[in-house]
Each structure stands twice: as structure tokens, then as C-alpha cells.
Amino acid sequence: MEIEIGKTGLGLAMQDDFEERIECPYCGGTAWIAFVAAEVLEETYICKMHPNDWEKETDDPGRWIHDSCAVAVYICRKCLKPVAEMDQA
């Protein structure tokens, strides 16, 4: 896992770069980037932690990521709640 603090981590996204600021879904304020964590050459990926069985008939069907991922964590400047965005390879 590679972790970068602040703007330096925006490019760790698996597809398009993460944004520096996003809208807070809790209060509508602006959440600023805190850090980004990205899976890089891991032996065990998060995608292998739980089944991706949303189309199957199971007791607890649900979606799960299917590939390596990167997660950007933001903190809202208005309400101080953490906000996260994730993308996958």
C-alpha cells in the first residue's frame, strides 16, 4: 500500500486523478484532500477480502470491488466529517 499525504497523492488514482476538493455529501461544504492510499504490487488485494456476488442468490448478496483500488480521503472544512472516493484499476 502506498500512502501519500495531500496533493501529492492525487495522481495515485487508478484512472483519472482524484480532485483536490470535492463537495461534502453531509453538509454541502467543501472537503479538501487529506491523503490517498493506493494498492501497488500487493500480495493480497482488498478485492479478494469479500465476494462480489451481487448477482448470485446468497444470504447476503452484494457488490464488492473487482480489482486493485485507490482511495482518496477528504475532510470537510465546514463539518469536519471525512469523505472518501475510490476508484479501481
N, C-alpha and C. Protein backbone atom coordinates (compact mmCIF):
# COMPACT_ATOMS: atom_id res chain seq x y z
N MET A 1 0.85 -1.17 0.00
CA MET A 1 0.00 0.00 0.00
C MET A 1 0.90 1.23 0.00
N GLU A 2 0.61 2.14 -0.89
CA GLU A 2 1.34 3.40 -0.93
C GLU A 2 0.41 4.49 -0.42
N ILE A 3 0.89 5.31 0.49
CA ILE A 3 0.07 6.38 1.06
C ILE A 3 0.81 7.70 0.87
N GLU A 4 0.09 8.65 0.31
CA GLU A 4 0.64 9.99 0.10
C GLU A 4 -0.28 11.01 0.74
N ILE A 5 0.30 11.96 1.44
CA ILE A 5 -0.47 12.99 2.12
C ILE A 5 -0.67 14.18 1.19
N GLY A 6 -1.89 14.73 1.21
CA GLY A 6 -2.20 15.95 0.46
C GLY A 6 -2.19 15.77 -1.05
N LYS A 7 -1.90 16.87 -1.74
CA LYS A 7 -1.98 16.92 -3.20
C LYS A 7 -1.05 15.92 -3.88
N THR A 8 0.03 15.53 -3.24
CA THR A 8 0.99 14.63 -3.89
C THR A 8 0.36 13.27 -4.19
N GLY A 9 -0.73 12.92 -3.51
CA GLY A 9 -1.37 11.64 -3.74
C GLY A 9 -2.44 11.63 -4.81
N LEU A 10 -2.81 12.79 -5.34
CA LEU A 10 -3.91 12.85 -6.31
C LEU A 10 -3.67 11.99 -7.54
N GLY A 11 -2.43 11.83 -7.93
CA GLY A 11 -2.09 11.04 -9.11
C GLY A 11 -2.02 9.54 -8.86
N LEU A 12 -2.25 9.10 -7.63
CA LEU A 12 -2.23 7.66 -7.33
C LEU A 12 -3.52 6.95 -7.75
N ALA A 13 -4.48 7.70 -8.25
CA ALA A 13 -5.73 7.10 -8.72
C ALA A 13 -5.42 6.10 -9.83
N MET A 14 -6.24 5.08 -9.94
CA MET A 14 -6.03 4.05 -10.95
C MET A 14 -6.46 4.50 -12.34
N GLN A 15 -7.33 5.51 -12.41
CA GLN A 15 -7.79 6.01 -13.70
C GLN A 15 -7.53 7.51 -13.75
N ASP A 16 -8.56 8.34 -13.74
CA ASP A 16 -8.35 9.79 -13.72
C ASP A 16 -7.88 10.23 -12.34
N ASP A 17 -7.05 11.26 -12.28
CA ASP A 17 -6.56 11.77 -10.99
C ASP A 17 -7.73 12.15 -10.08
N PHE A 18 -7.52 12.00 -8.79
CA PHE A 18 -8.51 12.48 -7.83
C PHE A 18 -8.51 14.00 -7.84
N GLU A 19 -9.65 14.57 -7.44
CA GLU A 19 -9.78 16.03 -7.34
C GLU A 19 -9.15 16.51 -6.03
N GLU A 20 -8.71 17.75 -6.02
CA GLU A 20 -8.13 18.33 -4.81
C GLU A 20 -9.21 18.64 -3.77
N ARG A 21 -10.39 19.02 -4.26
CA ARG A 21 -11.52 19.34 -3.39
C ARG A 21 -12.79 18.75 -3.99
N ILE A 22 -13.68 18.29 -3.10
CA ILE A 22 -14.96 17.76 -3.54
C ILE A 22 -16.06 18.29 -2.61
N GLU A 23 -17.29 18.16 -3.06
CA GLU A 23 -18.42 18.58 -2.23
C GLU A 23 -18.69 17.56 -1.14
N CYS A 24 -18.95 18.04 0.05
CA CYS A 24 -19.26 17.16 1.18
C CYS A 24 -20.71 16.67 1.04
N PRO A 25 -20.92 15.35 1.05
CA PRO A 25 -22.29 14.83 0.92
C PRO A 25 -23.12 15.01 2.19
N TYR A 26 -22.48 15.37 3.29
CA TYR A 26 -23.18 15.53 4.56
C TYR A 26 -23.77 16.93 4.74
N CYS A 27 -22.97 17.96 4.42
CA CYS A 27 -23.41 19.33 4.70
C CYS A 27 -23.37 20.25 3.49
N GLY A 28 -22.81 19.78 2.37
CA GLY A 28 -22.70 20.61 1.19
C GLY A 28 -21.48 21.51 1.18
N GLY A 29 -20.67 21.43 2.22
CA GLY A 29 -19.44 22.22 2.28
C GLY A 29 -18.39 21.67 1.32
N THR A 30 -17.18 22.15 1.45
CA THR A 30 -16.08 21.70 0.59
C THR A 30 -15.12 20.84 1.40
N ALA A 31 -14.88 19.64 0.90
CA ALA A 31 -13.94 18.72 1.54
C ALA A 31 -12.61 18.78 0.79
N TRP A 32 -11.54 18.95 1.52
CA TRP A 32 -10.20 19.05 0.95
C TRP A 32 -9.46 17.74 1.14
N ILE A 33 -8.59 17.43 0.19
CA ILE A 33 -7.83 16.18 0.22
C ILE A 33 -6.98 16.11 1.50
N ALA A 34 -6.99 14.95 2.14
CA ALA A 34 -6.15 14.69 3.30
C ALA A 34 -5.04 13.72 2.91
N PHE A 35 -5.42 12.55 2.35
CA PHE A 35 -4.43 11.59 1.89
C PHE A 35 -5.05 10.61 0.90
N VAL A 36 -4.19 9.91 0.18
CA VAL A 36 -4.61 8.87 -0.76
C VAL A 36 -3.84 7.60 -0.43
N ALA A 37 -4.57 6.49 -0.39
CA ALA A 37 -3.95 5.18 -0.21
C ALA A 37 -4.22 4.36 -1.47
N ALA A 38 -3.18 3.78 -2.03
CA ALA A 38 -3.32 3.02 -3.27
C ALA A 38 -2.63 1.67 -3.16
N GLU A 39 -3.28 0.65 -3.68
CA GLU A 39 -2.68 -0.68 -3.72
C GLU A 39 -1.67 -0.73 -4.85
N VAL A 40 -0.44 -1.03 -4.51
CA VAL A 40 0.62 -1.10 -5.50
C VAL A 40 1.39 -2.40 -5.28
N LEU A 41 1.31 -3.30 -6.23
CA LEU A 41 2.02 -4.58 -6.16
C LEU A 41 1.81 -5.30 -4.83
N GLU A 42 0.57 -5.44 -4.45
CA GLU A 42 0.23 -6.10 -3.20
C GLU A 42 0.15 -7.61 -3.41
N GLU A 43 0.42 -8.36 -2.37
CA GLU A 43 0.21 -9.81 -2.42
C GLU A 43 -1.26 -10.13 -2.18
N THR A 44 -1.90 -9.36 -1.32
CA THR A 44 -3.32 -9.56 -1.03
C THR A 44 -4.04 -8.25 -1.29
N TYR A 45 -4.96 -8.29 -2.23
CA TYR A 45 -5.71 -7.10 -2.59
C TYR A 45 -7.02 -7.03 -1.82
N ILE A 46 -7.52 -5.82 -1.61
CA ILE A 46 -8.80 -5.62 -0.95
C ILE A 46 -9.92 -6.34 -1.70
N CYS A 47 -9.81 -6.42 -3.03
CA CYS A 47 -10.86 -7.05 -3.82
C CYS A 47 -11.03 -8.53 -3.48
N LYS A 48 -10.03 -9.12 -2.86
CA LYS A 48 -10.10 -10.55 -2.51
C LYS A 48 -10.61 -10.77 -1.08
N MET A 49 -10.91 -9.71 -0.36
CA MET A 49 -11.37 -9.83 1.03
C MET A 49 -12.79 -10.36 1.15
N HIS A 50 -13.66 -9.97 0.21
CA HIS A 50 -15.07 -10.33 0.27
C HIS A 50 -15.55 -10.73 -1.12
N PRO A 51 -16.59 -11.57 -1.21
CA PRO A 51 -17.09 -11.97 -2.53
C PRO A 51 -17.83 -10.84 -3.23
N ASN A 52 -17.75 -10.83 -4.53
CA ASN A 52 -18.53 -9.92 -5.36
C ASN A 52 -19.67 -10.77 -5.93
N ASP A 53 -20.75 -10.86 -5.17
CA ASP A 53 -21.81 -11.81 -5.51
C ASP A 53 -23.18 -11.16 -5.63
N TRP A 54 -23.23 -9.94 -6.10
CA TRP A 54 -24.50 -9.23 -6.15
C TRP A 54 -25.50 -9.85 -7.12
N GLU A 55 -25.06 -10.65 -8.06
CA GLU A 55 -25.99 -11.30 -8.99
C GLU A 55 -26.36 -12.71 -8.54
N LYS A 56 -25.73 -13.21 -7.50
CA LYS A 56 -25.99 -14.55 -7.03
C LYS A 56 -27.03 -14.55 -5.92
N GLU A 57 -27.70 -15.66 -5.78
CA GLU A 57 -28.66 -15.79 -4.70
C GLU A 57 -27.94 -16.34 -3.48
N THR A 58 -27.60 -15.44 -2.56
CA THR A 58 -26.93 -15.82 -1.33
C THR A 58 -27.65 -15.17 -0.16
N ASP A 59 -27.25 -15.50 1.05
CA ASP A 59 -27.86 -14.90 2.23
C ASP A 59 -27.58 -13.40 2.33
N ASP A 60 -26.45 -12.98 1.80
CA ASP A 60 -26.05 -11.58 1.90
C ASP A 60 -25.43 -11.13 0.58
N PRO A 61 -26.25 -11.05 -0.48
CA PRO A 61 -25.68 -10.65 -1.78
C PRO A 61 -25.25 -9.20 -1.75
N GLY A 62 -24.20 -8.91 -2.46
CA GLY A 62 -23.74 -7.53 -2.50
C GLY A 62 -22.56 -7.37 -3.43
N ARG A 63 -22.36 -6.15 -3.84
CA ARG A 63 -21.23 -5.83 -4.72
C ARG A 63 -19.98 -5.62 -3.89
N TRP A 64 -18.87 -5.89 -4.52
CA TRP A 64 -17.57 -5.62 -3.94
C TRP A 64 -16.66 -5.27 -5.09
N ILE A 65 -15.59 -4.57 -4.82
CA ILE A 65 -14.69 -4.17 -5.89
C ILE A 65 -14.08 -5.40 -6.56
N HIS A 66 -13.69 -5.24 -7.82
CA HIS A 66 -13.21 -6.38 -8.61
C HIS A 66 -11.73 -6.31 -8.95
N ASP A 67 -11.04 -5.25 -8.55
CA ASP A 67 -9.64 -5.07 -8.94
C ASP A 67 -8.93 -4.24 -7.88
N SER A 68 -7.65 -4.00 -8.09
CA SER A 68 -6.91 -3.16 -7.14
C SER A 68 -7.54 -1.77 -7.10
N CYS A 69 -7.36 -1.07 -6.00
CA CYS A 69 -8.05 0.20 -5.84
C CYS A 69 -7.15 1.27 -5.22
N ALA A 70 -7.63 2.48 -5.32
CA ALA A 70 -7.04 3.62 -4.64
C ALA A 70 -8.18 4.37 -3.97
N VAL A 71 -7.93 4.87 -2.77
CA VAL A 71 -8.95 5.58 -2.01
C VAL A 71 -8.41 6.94 -1.60
N ALA A 72 -9.17 7.97 -1.93
CA ALA A 72 -8.82 9.33 -1.51
C ALA A 72 -9.70 9.70 -0.33
N VAL A 73 -9.09 10.19 0.73
CA VAL A 73 -9.83 10.61 1.92
C VAL A 73 -9.73 12.13 2.02
N TYR A 74 -10.90 12.74 2.15
CA TYR A 74 -11.02 14.19 2.25
C TYR A 74 -11.60 14.53 3.62
N ILE A 75 -11.40 15.76 4.07
CA ILE A 75 -12.01 16.25 5.30
C ILE A 75 -12.75 17.54 4.97
N CYS A 76 -14.02 17.57 5.38
CA CYS A 76 -14.85 18.74 5.10
C CYS A 76 -14.42 19.91 5.97
N ARG A 77 -14.27 21.07 5.34
CA ARG A 77 -13.85 22.28 6.06
C ARG A 77 -14.99 22.90 6.86
N LYS A 78 -16.23 22.45 6.60
CA LYS A 78 -17.37 23.01 7.31
C LYS A 78 -17.79 22.14 8.51
N CYS A 79 -17.95 20.83 8.28
CA CYS A 79 -18.44 19.95 9.35
C CYS A 79 -17.37 18.99 9.90
N LEU A 80 -16.19 18.97 9.28
CA LEU A 80 -15.06 18.14 9.69
C LEU A 80 -15.29 16.63 9.53
N LYS A 81 -16.31 16.23 8.80
CA LYS A 81 -16.53 14.81 8.57
C LYS A 81 -15.61 14.32 7.45
N PRO A 82 -15.14 13.07 7.54
CA PRO A 82 -14.33 12.52 6.46
C PRO A 82 -15.23 12.09 5.30
N VAL A 83 -14.70 12.27 4.11
CA VAL A 83 -15.40 11.89 2.88
C VAL A 83 -14.39 11.09 2.06
N ALA A 84 -14.82 10.02 1.44
CA ALA A 84 -13.89 9.20 0.66
C ALA A 84 -14.41 8.97 -0.76
N GLU A 85 -13.46 8.88 -1.69
CA GLU A 85 -13.74 8.47 -3.06
C GLU A 85 -12.80 7.33 -3.39
N MET A 86 -13.27 6.39 -4.20
CA MET A 86 -12.48 5.21 -4.54
C MET A 86 -12.56 4.98 -6.04
N ASP A 87 -11.47 4.51 -6.62
CA ASP A 87 -11.53 4.02 -7.98
C ASP A 87 -10.71 2.75 -8.08
N GLN A 88 -10.94 1.99 -9.14
CA GLN A 88 -10.27 0.71 -9.32
C GLN A 88 -9.56 0.65 -10.66
N ALA A 89 -8.61 -0.24 -10.74
CA ALA A 89 -7.85 -0.41 -11.98
C ALA A 89 -8.75 -0.97 -13.07
